[in-house]
Amino acid sequence: MSVFPSIRLGSKGHYVRLLQADLNGLALNYNGFALDGYFDQKTSDAVKNFQDRFSLNRDGIVRNSTWKVLVDNVLAVQKLLNQNGYHAGHADGWFGAATTAAVIAFQRAHGIYPSGIVDPRTRQALFNPHDKDHYQDRPTSAALESLNPHVAAMARRFLALTREHHMDVRIYTAFRSWSDEDRLFAQGRWTPGPIVTNARGGDSYHNWGLAFDAAPFENGAMTTDVSKFRLMGQLGKQAGLQWGGDFKSIVDYPHFQDTFGLNTWDLLNGVRPPGE
């Protein structure tokens, strides 16, 4: 791969436009940055989100390591589109007009809203066309049985630890449907309410049975005492879970997960945790 210039907050010009086009085309423009060639705070936040996804250094600076992962992901999309007869043009790693047109044609052929970006449903249809698990059709559930068996076992250990600490902790969401996730993603963007997630349907670990939400209750009602959520978080970590209170973008005190080292694009591409 060629060596590209390092760009960061305040940078301007051609390579910033290429960066923004790739992030947008890969459905990572969750905060509405403009494709204008100016590396503003929203672009920086989107870069950090991308770096988190691939366990890169989360500094918002686009060096060669970040460029490589980004360009390789666009290349993979372009090659698959071309192989399937959707003409994305020369596979160059840049999400331009030809790639956008090819994505739209692919989406129309597969009954997906023709947004021109590789959103989760588009990614799954392109990378895992013979999906047999049908996670996208499963309903929202608070039952531990809706989780991956290993995650469910960790959740039971977590609840046992909370009882040992005389806490009344309840799991109120386990598996979340892709449609419900889409509704949450819309909140604060094009429907009323605050922004609560940067994940579209299919791009949350809830949508794969690898995450759940829990809260401490007092006198039959969910508490607002942050110290109780922090204690709950520490107990979840003792059970081997990752806690949303440690997240860098949107801190999520009720959230617990075990990712098996997979990101959600891996899952959409057809990779499954051991035992599934």
C-alpha atoms as a PDB file:
ATOM      1  CA  MET A   1       0.000   0.000   0.000  1.00  0.00           C
ATOM      2  CA  SER A   2       1.126   3.540  -0.721  1.00  0.00           C
ATOM      3  CA  VAL A   3       2.156   5.817   2.106  1.00  0.00           C
ATOM      4  CA  PHE A   4      -0.506   8.458   2.751  1.00  0.00           C
ATOM      5  CA  PRO A   5      -0.077  11.687   4.680  1.00  0.00           C
ATOM      6  CA  SER A   6      -0.964  11.789   8.351  1.00  0.00           C
ATOM      7  CA  ILE A   7      -4.035  13.951   8.853  1.00  0.00           C
ATOM      8  CA  ARG A   8      -5.755  15.092  12.013  1.00  0.00           C
ATOM      9  CA  LEU A   9      -8.078  17.656  13.554  1.00  0.00           C
ATOM     10  CA  GLY A  10      -7.702  20.889  11.547  1.00  0.00           C
ATOM     11  CA  SER A  11      -6.319  19.251   8.384  1.00  0.00           C
ATOM     12  CA  LYS A  12      -7.850  20.219   5.048  1.00  0.00           C
ATOM     13  CA  GLY A  13      -7.824  19.066   1.469  1.00  0.00           C
ATOM     14  CA  HIS A  14      -7.959  16.078  -0.868  1.00  0.00           C
ATOM     15  CA  TYR A  15      -7.008  13.337   1.579  1.00  0.00           C
ATOM     16  CA  VAL A  16      -9.511  14.549   4.155  1.00  0.00           C
ATOM     17  CA  ARG A  17     -12.225  14.272   1.486  1.00  0.00           C
ATOM     18  CA  LEU A  18     -11.097  10.717   0.702  1.00  0.00           C
ATOM     19  CA  LEU A  19     -11.161   9.845   4.402  1.00  0.00           C
ATOM     20  CA  GLN A  20     -14.639  11.281   4.846  1.00  0.00           C
ATOM     21  CA  ALA A  21     -15.955   9.511   1.739  1.00  0.00           C
ATOM     22  CA  ASP A  22     -14.627   6.145   2.960  1.00  0.00           C
ATOM     23  CA  LEU A  23     -15.995   6.558   6.488  1.00  0.00           C
ATOM     24  CA  ASN A  24     -19.352   7.675   5.132  1.00  0.00           C
ATOM     25  CA  GLY A  25     -19.529   4.859   2.581  1.00  0.00           C
ATOM     26  CA  LEU A  26     -18.811   2.277   5.279  1.00  0.00           C
ATOM     27  CA  ALA A  27     -21.768   3.620   7.311  1.00  0.00           C
ATOM     28  CA  LEU A  28     -19.538   5.239   9.938  1.00  0.00           C
ATOM     29  CA  ASN A  29     -20.897   8.766   9.610  1.00  0.00           C
ATOM     30  CA  TYR A  30     -23.014   8.333  12.735  1.00  0.00           C
ATOM     31  CA  ASN A  31     -22.601  11.975  13.805  1.00  0.00           C
ATOM     32  CA  GLY A  32     -23.332  13.718  10.506  1.00  0.00           C
ATOM     33  CA  PHE A  33     -19.924  15.123   9.558  1.00  0.00           C
ATOM     34  CA  ALA A  34     -19.828  16.999   6.261  1.00  0.00           C
ATOM     35  CA  LEU A  35     -17.923  15.577   3.276  1.00  0.00           C
ATOM     36  CA  ASP A  36     -16.196  18.893   2.759  1.00  0.00           C
ATOM     37  CA  GLY A  37     -12.477  18.197   3.089  1.00  0.00           C
ATOM     38  CA  TYR A  38     -12.199  19.803   6.522  1.00  0.00           C
ATOM     39  CA  PHE A  39     -11.124  17.568   9.425  1.00  0.00           C
ATOM     40  CA  ASP A  40     -13.475  18.891  12.103  1.00  0.00           C
ATOM     41  CA  GLN A  41     -14.352  17.490  15.529  1.00  0.00           C
ATOM     42  CA  LYS A  42     -17.103  15.285  14.141  1.00  0.00           C
ATOM     43  CA  THR A  43     -14.673  13.740  11.660  1.00  0.00           C
ATOM     44  CA  SER A  44     -12.183  13.216  14.478  1.00  0.00           C
ATOM     45  CA  ASP A  45     -14.817  11.469  16.605  1.00  0.00           C
ATOM     46  CA  ALA A  46     -15.758   9.199  13.681  1.00  0.00           C
ATOM     47  CA  VAL A  47     -12.088   8.321  13.191  1.00  0.00           C
ATOM     48  CA  LYS A  48     -11.768   7.417  16.883  1.00  0.00           C
ATOM     49  CA  ASN A  49     -14.863   5.229  16.608  1.00  0.00           C
ATOM     50  CA  PHE A  50     -13.280   3.459  13.628  1.00  0.00           C
ATOM     51  CA  GLN A  51      -9.995   3.032  15.478  1.00  0.00           C
ATOM     52  CA  ASP A  52     -11.838   1.524  18.445  1.00  0.00           C
ATOM     53  CA  ARG A  53     -13.564  -0.954  16.148  1.00  0.00           C
ATOM     54  CA  PHE A  54     -10.232  -2.302  14.928  1.00  0.00           C
ATOM     55  CA  SER A  55      -8.240  -1.958  18.177  1.00  0.00           C
ATOM     56  CA  LEU A  56      -6.061   0.789  16.700  1.00  0.00           C
ATOM     57  CA  ASN A  57      -4.584   3.599  18.763  1.00  0.00           C
ATOM     58  CA  ARG A  58      -7.599   5.780  19.562  1.00  0.00           C
ATOM     59  CA  ASP A  59      -6.074   9.217  18.981  1.00  0.00           C
ATOM     60  CA  GLY A  60      -8.104  10.504  16.029  1.00  0.00           C
ATOM     61  CA  ILE A  61      -4.957  10.875  13.908  1.00  0.00           C
ATOM     62  CA  VAL A  62      -5.074   9.090  10.555  1.00  0.00           C
ATOM     63  CA  ARG A  63      -1.625   7.613  10.106  1.00  0.00           C
ATOM     64  CA  ASN A  64      -0.640   4.810   7.750  1.00  0.00           C
ATOM     65  CA  SER A  65      -1.957   2.113  10.123  1.00  0.00           C
ATOM     66  CA  THR A  66      -5.455   3.633  10.131  1.00  0.00           C
ATOM     67  CA  TRP A  67      -5.319   4.356   6.399  1.00  0.00           C
ATOM     68  CA  LYS A  68      -4.443   0.717   5.673  1.00  0.00           C
ATOM     69  CA  VAL A  69      -7.374  -0.757   7.606  1.00  0.00           C
ATOM     70  CA  LEU A  70      -9.792   1.793   6.143  1.00  0.00           C
ATOM     71  CA  VAL A  71      -8.649   1.348   2.535  1.00  0.00           C
ATOM     72  CA  ASP A  72      -8.563  -2.455   2.864  1.00  0.00           C
ATOM     73  CA  ASN A  73     -12.182  -2.446   4.046  1.00  0.00           C
ATOM     74  CA  VAL A  74     -13.307  -0.380   1.070  1.00  0.00           C
ATOM     75  CA  LEU A  75     -11.271  -2.614  -1.261  1.00  0.00           C
ATOM     76  CA  ALA A  76     -13.074  -5.681   0.110  1.00  0.00           C
ATOM     77  CA  VAL A  77     -16.453  -4.056  -0.631  1.00  0.00           C
ATOM     78  CA  GLN A  78     -15.410  -3.028  -4.147  1.00  0.00           C
ATOM     79  CA  LYS A  79     -14.043  -6.460  -5.019  1.00  0.00           C
ATOM     80  CA  LEU A  80     -17.188  -8.261  -3.864  1.00  0.00           C
ATOM     81  CA  LEU A  81     -19.435  -5.837  -5.735  1.00  0.00           C
ATOM     82  CA  ASN A  82     -17.454  -6.376  -8.924  1.00  0.00           C
ATOM     83  CA  GLN A  83     -17.415 -10.158  -8.461  1.00  0.00           C
ATOM     84  CA  ASN A  84     -21.203 -10.141  -8.136  1.00  0.00           C
ATOM     85  CA  GLY A  85     -21.749  -8.068 -11.267  1.00  0.00           C
ATOM     86  CA  TYR A  86     -22.238  -4.664  -9.640  1.00  0.00           C
ATOM     87  CA  HIS A  87     -19.766  -2.399 -11.355  1.00  0.00           C
ATOM     88  CA  ALA A  88     -17.833  -0.471  -8.719  1.00  0.00           C
ATOM     89  CA  GLY A  89     -15.065   0.314 -11.192  1.00  0.00           C
ATOM     90  CA  HIS A  90     -11.390  -0.192 -10.434  1.00  0.00           C
ATOM     91  CA  ALA A  91     -10.942  -1.433  -6.849  1.00  0.00           C
ATOM     92  CA  ASP A  92      -8.820   1.372  -5.448  1.00  0.00           C
ATOM     93  CA  GLY A  93      -9.960   1.667  -1.823  1.00  0.00           C
ATOM     94  CA  TRP A  94     -11.728   4.987  -2.358  1.00  0.00           C
ATOM     95  CA  PHE A  95     -15.500   5.135  -1.920  1.00  0.00           C
ATOM     96  CA  GLY A  96     -16.362   7.313  -4.908  1.00  0.00           C
ATOM     97  CA  ALA A  97     -19.342   7.753  -7.232  1.00  0.00           C
ATOM     98  CA  ALA A  98     -18.937   4.402  -9.014  1.00  0.00           C
ATOM     99  CA  THR A  99     -18.805   2.482  -5.735  1.00  0.00           C
ATOM    100  CA  THR A 100     -21.821   4.367  -4.400  1.00  0.00           C
ATOM    101  CA  ALA A 101     -23.800   3.593  -7.580  1.00  0.00           C
ATOM    102  CA  ALA A 102     -22.826  -0.087  -7.336  1.00  0.00           C
ATOM    103  CA  VAL A 103     -23.956  -0.241  -3.694  1.00  0.00           C
ATOM    104  CA  ILE A 104     -27.299   1.333  -4.636  1.00  0.00           C
ATOM    105  CA  ALA A 105     -27.786  -1.199  -7.433  1.00  0.00           C
ATOM    106  CA  PHE A 106     -26.920  -4.049  -5.050  1.00  0.00           C
ATOM    107  CA  GLN A 107     -29.325  -2.727  -2.403  1.00  0.00           C
ATOM    108  CA  ARG A 108     -32.186  -2.407  -4.891  1.00  0.00           C
ATOM    109  CA  ALA A 109     -31.587  -5.949  -6.134  1.00  0.00           C
ATOM    110  CA  HIS A 110     -31.729  -7.264  -2.552  1.00  0.00           C
ATOM    111  CA  GLY A 111     -34.703  -5.278  -1.266  1.00  0.00           C
ATOM    112  CA  ILE A 112     -32.588  -3.028   0.954  1.00  0.00           C
ATOM    113  CA  TYR A 113     -33.173   0.709   1.239  1.00  0.00           C
ATOM    114  CA  PRO A 114     -30.901   2.241  -1.466  1.00  0.00           C
ATOM    115  CA  SER A 115     -28.838   4.546   0.736  1.00  0.00           C
ATOM    116  CA  GLY A 116     -25.577   3.989  -1.153  1.00  0.00           C
ATOM    117  CA  ILE A 117     -23.709   3.199   2.075  1.00  0.00           C
ATOM    118  CA  VAL A 118     -22.698  -0.237   3.339  1.00  0.00           C
ATOM    119  CA  ASP A 119     -24.982  -0.322   6.353  1.00  0.00           C
ATOM    120  CA  PRO A 120     -25.204  -3.551   8.407  1.00  0.00           C
ATOM    121  CA  ARG A 121     -27.964  -5.179   6.365  1.00  0.00           C
ATOM    122  CA  THR A 122     -26.089  -4.395   3.157  1.00  0.00           C
ATOM    123  CA  ARG A 123     -22.846  -5.722   4.606  1.00  0.00           C
ATOM    124  CA  GLN A 124     -24.451  -8.996   5.651  1.00  0.00           C
ATOM    125  CA  ALA A 125     -26.129  -9.477   2.264  1.00  0.00           C
ATOM    126  CA  LEU A 126     -22.834  -8.791   0.472  1.00  0.00           C
ATOM    127  CA  PHE A 127     -20.371 -10.671   2.702  1.00  0.00           C
ATOM    128  CA  ASN A 128     -22.613 -13.437   4.080  1.00  0.00           C
ATOM    129  CA  PRO A 129     -25.319 -13.989   1.446  1.00  0.00           C
ATOM    130  CA  HIS A 130     -26.241 -17.464   2.690  1.00  0.00           C
ATOM    131  CA  ASP A 131     -26.727 -16.567   6.344  1.00  0.00           C
ATOM    132  CA  LYS A 132     -28.478 -19.381   8.207  1.00  0.00           C
ATOM    133  CA  ASP A 133     -28.663 -17.836  11.678  1.00  0.00           C
ATOM    134  CA  HIS A 134     -31.233 -15.118  10.924  1.00  0.00           C
ATOM    135  CA  TYR A 135     -30.253 -12.875  13.804  1.00  0.00           C
ATOM    136  CA  GLN A 136     -31.909 -10.014  11.938  1.00  0.00           C
ATOM    137  CA  ASP A 137     -35.312 -11.700  12.405  1.00  0.00           C
ATOM    138  CA  ARG A 138     -35.066 -12.465  16.125  1.00  0.00           C
ATOM    139  CA  PRO A 139     -37.227 -10.492  18.598  1.00  0.00           C
ATOM    140  CA  THR A 140     -36.056  -8.415  21.524  1.00  0.00           C
ATOM    141  CA  SER A 141     -35.894 -10.408  24.749  1.00  0.00           C
ATOM    142  CA  ALA A 142     -34.783 -10.006  28.355  1.00  0.00           C
ATOM    143  CA  ALA A 143     -34.395 -13.768  28.769  1.00  0.00           C
ATOM    144  CA  LEU A 144     -30.895 -15.113  29.332  1.00  0.00           C
ATOM    145  CA  GLU A 145     -31.758 -17.903  26.906  1.00  0.00           C
ATOM    146  CA  SER A 146     -31.705 -15.327  24.100  1.00  0.00           C
ATOM    147  CA  LEU A 147     -27.967 -14.794  24.701  1.00  0.00           C
ATOM    148  CA  ASN A 148     -24.979 -16.753  23.495  1.00  0.00           C
ATOM    149  CA  PRO A 149     -24.653 -19.676  25.982  1.00  0.00           C
ATOM    150  CA  HIS A 150     -21.230 -18.520  27.206  1.00  0.00           C
ATOM    151  CA  VAL A 151     -22.469 -14.949  27.729  1.00  0.00           C
ATOM    152  CA  ALA A 152     -25.567 -16.286  29.496  1.00  0.00           C
ATOM    153  CA  ALA A 153     -23.354 -18.252  31.885  1.00  0.00           C
ATOM    154  CA  MET A 154     -21.306 -15.125  32.615  1.00  0.00           C
ATOM    155  CA  ALA A 155     -24.539 -13.192  33.203  1.00  0.00           C
ATOM    156  CA  ARG A 156     -25.637 -15.776  35.775  1.00  0.00           C
ATOM    157  CA  ARG A 157     -22.273 -15.517  37.528  1.00  0.00           C
ATOM    158  CA  PHE A 158     -22.620 -11.725  37.502  1.00  0.00           C
ATOM    159  CA  LEU A 159     -26.109 -11.873  39.049  1.00  0.00           C
ATOM    160  CA  ALA A 160     -24.827 -14.255  41.727  1.00  0.00           C
ATOM    161  CA  LEU A 161     -22.072 -11.788  42.607  1.00  0.00           C
ATOM    162  CA  THR A 162     -24.575  -8.949  42.919  1.00  0.00           C
ATOM    163  CA  ARG A 163     -26.710 -11.019  45.279  1.00  0.00           C
ATOM    164  CA  GLU A 164     -23.620 -11.768  47.372  1.00  0.00           C
ATOM    165  CA  HIS A 165     -23.218  -7.988  47.690  1.00  0.00           C
ATOM    166  CA  HIS A 166     -26.886  -7.615  48.726  1.00  0.00           C
ATOM    167  CA  MET A 167     -27.824  -5.858  45.488  1.00  0.00           C
ATOM    168  CA  ASP A 168     -31.085  -6.268  43.588  1.00  0.00           C
ATOM    169  CA  VAL A 169     -29.778  -6.206  40.012  1.00  0.00           C
ATOM    170  CA  ARG A 170     -32.073  -7.072  37.118  1.00  0.00           C
ATOM    171  CA  ILE A 171     -31.326  -7.680  33.460  1.00  0.00           C
ATOM    172  CA  TYR A 172     -33.889  -5.738  31.445  1.00  0.00           C
ATOM    173  CA  THR A 173     -32.550  -6.239  27.915  1.00  0.00           C
ATOM    174  CA  ALA A 174     -30.606  -9.209  26.596  1.00  0.00           C
ATOM    175  CA  PHE A 175     -31.036  -9.771  22.853  1.00  0.00           C
ATOM    176  CA  ARG A 176     -32.194  -6.608  21.064  1.00  0.00           C
ATOM    177  CA  SER A 177     -33.837  -6.873  17.663  1.00  0.00           C
ATOM    178  CA  TRP A 178     -32.244  -5.109  14.706  1.00  0.00           C
ATOM    179  CA  SER A 179     -35.439  -3.089  14.216  1.00  0.00           C
ATOM    180  CA  ASP A 180     -35.401  -1.903  17.823  1.00  0.00           C
ATOM    181  CA  GLU A 181     -31.716  -1.013  17.435  1.00  0.00           C
ATOM    182  CA  ASP A 182     -32.566   1.066  14.355  1.00  0.00           C
ATOM    183  CA  ARG A 183     -35.189   2.924  16.372  1.00  0.00           C
ATOM    184  CA  LEU A 184     -32.620   3.675  19.080  1.00  0.00           C
ATOM    185  CA  PHE A 185     -30.114   4.852  16.451  1.00  0.00           C
ATOM    186  CA  ALA A 186     -32.755   7.204  15.010  1.00  0.00           C
ATOM    187  CA  GLN A 187     -33.362   8.792  18.415  1.00  0.00           C
ATOM    188  CA  GLY A 188     -31.710  12.194  18.622  1.00  0.00           C
ATOM    189  CA  ARG A 189     -30.941  12.110  14.902  1.00  0.00           C
ATOM    190  CA  TRP A 190     -34.286  12.175  13.110  1.00  0.00           C
ATOM    191  CA  THR A 191     -36.666  11.321  15.951  1.00  0.00           C
ATOM    192  CA  PRO A 192     -37.088  13.133  19.298  1.00  0.00           C
ATOM    193  CA  GLY A 193     -34.899  12.416  22.310  1.00  0.00           C
ATOM    194  CA  PRO A 194     -31.211  12.285  23.189  1.00  0.00           C
ATOM    195  CA  ILE A 195     -28.664  10.246  21.249  1.00  0.00           C
ATOM    196  CA  VAL A 196     -28.158   6.971  23.118  1.00  0.00           C
ATOM    197  CA  THR A 197     -26.237   4.814  20.621  1.00  0.00           C
ATOM    198  CA  ASN A 198     -23.973   5.049  17.585  1.00  0.00           C
ATOM    199  CA  ALA A 199     -24.979   1.563  16.414  1.00  0.00           C
ATOM    200  CA  ARG A 200     -27.464   0.805  13.666  1.00  0.00           C
ATOM    201  CA  GLY A 201     -29.384  -2.465  13.670  1.00  0.00           C
ATOM    202  CA  GLY A 202     -26.845  -5.266  13.255  1.00  0.00           C
ATOM    203  CA  ASP A 203     -23.963  -3.145  14.517  1.00  0.00           C
ATOM    204  CA  SER A 204     -24.530  -3.691  18.245  1.00  0.00           C
ATOM    205  CA  TYR A 205     -23.438  -6.720  20.232  1.00  0.00           C
ATOM    206  CA  HIS A 206     -27.000  -6.815  21.585  1.00  0.00           C
ATOM    207  CA  ASN A 207     -28.088  -7.813  18.071  1.00  0.00           C
ATOM    208  CA  TRP A 208     -25.911 -10.938  18.266  1.00  0.00           C
ATOM    209  CA  GLY A 209     -26.718 -12.152  21.766  1.00  0.00           C
ATOM    210  CA  LEU A 210     -23.335 -11.047  23.088  1.00  0.00           C
ATOM    211  CA  ALA A 211     -24.490  -8.179  25.323  1.00  0.00           C
ATOM    212  CA  PHE A 212     -27.127  -7.340  27.911  1.00  0.00           C
ATOM    213  CA  ASP A 213     -28.273  -4.330  29.929  1.00  0.00           C
ATOM    214  CA  ALA A 214     -28.776  -4.473  33.691  1.00  0.00           C
ATOM    215  CA  ALA A 215     -29.573  -2.041  36.478  1.00  0.00           C
ATOM    216  CA  PRO A 216     -29.656  -1.957  40.284  1.00  0.00           C
ATOM    217  CA  PHE A 217     -33.090  -1.607  41.869  1.00  0.00           C
ATOM    218  CA  GLU A 218     -34.032  -0.173  45.236  1.00  0.00           C
ATOM    219  CA  ASN A 219     -37.511  -0.422  46.738  1.00  0.00           C
ATOM    220  CA  GLY A 220     -38.758  -1.961  43.505  1.00  0.00           C
ATOM    221  CA  ALA A 221     -37.567   0.842  41.240  1.00  0.00           C
ATOM    222  CA  MET A 222     -34.435   1.315  39.151  1.00  0.00           C
ATOM    223  CA  THR A 223     -32.012   3.496  41.083  1.00  0.00           C
ATOM    224  CA  THR A 224     -30.393   6.654  39.737  1.00  0.00           C
ATOM    225  CA  ASP A 225     -27.494   6.312  42.179  1.00  0.00           C
ATOM    226  CA  VAL A 226     -24.390   6.253  39.961  1.00  0.00           C
ATOM    227  CA  SER A 227     -22.312   4.681  42.748  1.00  0.00           C
ATOM    228  CA  LYS A 228     -24.590   1.627  42.637  1.00  0.00           C
ATOM    229  CA  PHE A 229     -24.097   1.350  38.867  1.00  0.00           C
ATOM    230  CA  ARG A 230     -20.337   1.599  39.373  1.00  0.00           C
ATOM    231  CA  LEU A 231     -20.367  -1.175  41.964  1.00  0.00           C
ATOM    232  CA  MET A 232     -22.497  -3.257  39.599  1.00  0.00           C
ATOM    233  CA  GLY A 233     -19.972  -2.564  36.834  1.00  0.00           C
ATOM    234  CA  GLN A 234     -17.059  -3.754  38.944  1.00  0.00           C
ATOM    235  CA  LEU A 235     -18.925  -6.965  39.765  1.00  0.00           C
ATOM    236  CA  GLY A 236     -19.612  -7.533  36.078  1.00  0.00           C
ATOM    237  CA  LYS A 237     -15.911  -7.160  35.350  1.00  0.00           C
ATOM    238  CA  GLN A 238     -15.164  -9.682  38.107  1.00  0.00           C
ATOM    239  CA  ALA A 239     -17.424 -12.095  36.232  1.00  0.00           C
ATOM    240  CA  GLY A 240     -15.268 -11.591  33.133  1.00  0.00           C
ATOM    241  CA  LEU A 241     -17.534  -9.188  31.266  1.00  0.00           C
ATOM    242  CA  GLN A 242     -16.643  -5.924  29.548  1.00  0.00           C
ATOM    243  CA  TRP A 243     -18.537  -3.010  31.115  1.00  0.00           C
ATOM    244  CA  GLY A 244     -20.011  -0.074  29.210  1.00  0.00           C
ATOM    245  CA  GLY A 245     -18.956   2.280  31.977  1.00  0.00           C
ATOM    246  CA  ASP A 246     -15.433   1.982  30.564  1.00  0.00           C
ATOM    247  CA  PHE A 247     -16.472   2.974  27.027  1.00  0.00           C
ATOM    248  CA  LYS A 248     -14.718   5.985  25.534  1.00  0.00           C
ATOM    249  CA  SER A 249     -17.440   7.325  23.229  1.00  0.00           C
ATOM    250  CA  ILE A 250     -20.879   6.911  24.804  1.00  0.00           C
ATOM    251  CA  VAL A 251     -20.451   5.771  28.425  1.00  0.00           C
ATOM    252  CA  ASP A 252     -23.114   3.116  29.042  1.00  0.00           C
ATOM    253  CA  TYR A 253     -23.371   2.107  32.699  1.00  0.00           C
ATOM    254  CA  PRO A 254     -26.043  -0.617  32.235  1.00  0.00           C
ATOM    255  CA  HIS A 255     -24.183  -2.375  29.406  1.00  0.00           C
ATOM    256  CA  PHE A 256     -22.177  -5.612  29.648  1.00  0.00           C
ATOM    257  CA  GLN A 257     -20.730  -7.711  26.843  1.00  0.00           C
ATOM    258  CA  ASP A 258     -18.309 -10.417  25.804  1.00  0.00           C
ATOM    259  CA  THR A 259     -17.177  -9.993  22.202  1.00  0.00           C
ATOM    260  CA  PHE A 260     -14.914 -13.058  21.835  1.00  0.00           C
ATOM    261  CA  GLY A 261     -12.460 -10.668  20.195  1.00  0.00           C
ATOM    262  CA  LEU A 262     -14.835 -10.101  17.279  1.00  0.00           C
ATOM    263  CA  ASN A 263     -16.136  -6.768  16.062  1.00  0.00           C
ATOM    264  CA  THR A 264     -19.638  -6.472  14.651  1.00  0.00           C
ATOM    265  CA  TRP A 265     -18.345  -6.379  11.072  1.00  0.00           C
ATOM    266  CA  ASP A 266     -16.807  -9.803  11.683  1.00  0.00           C
ATOM    267  CA  LEU A 267     -20.236 -11.031  12.783  1.00  0.00           C
ATOM    268  CA  LEU A 268     -21.970  -9.452   9.790  1.00  0.00           C
ATOM    269  CA  ASN A 269     -19.359 -11.010   7.516  1.00  0.00           C
ATOM    270  CA  GLY A 270     -20.306 -14.450   8.826  1.00  0.00           C
ATOM    271  CA  VAL A 271     -17.716 -15.095  11.568  1.00  0.00           C
ATOM    272  CA  ARG A 272     -19.245 -16.680  14.665  1.00  0.00           C
ATOM    273  CA  PRO A 273     -17.992 -17.114  18.251  1.00  0.00           C
ATOM    274  CA  PRO A 274     -16.711 -20.547  19.267  1.00  0.00           C
ATOM    275  CA  GLY A 275     -19.520 -22.972  19.992  1.00  0.00           C
ATOM    276  CA  GLU A 276     -22.074 -21.413  17.647  1.00  0.00           C
END
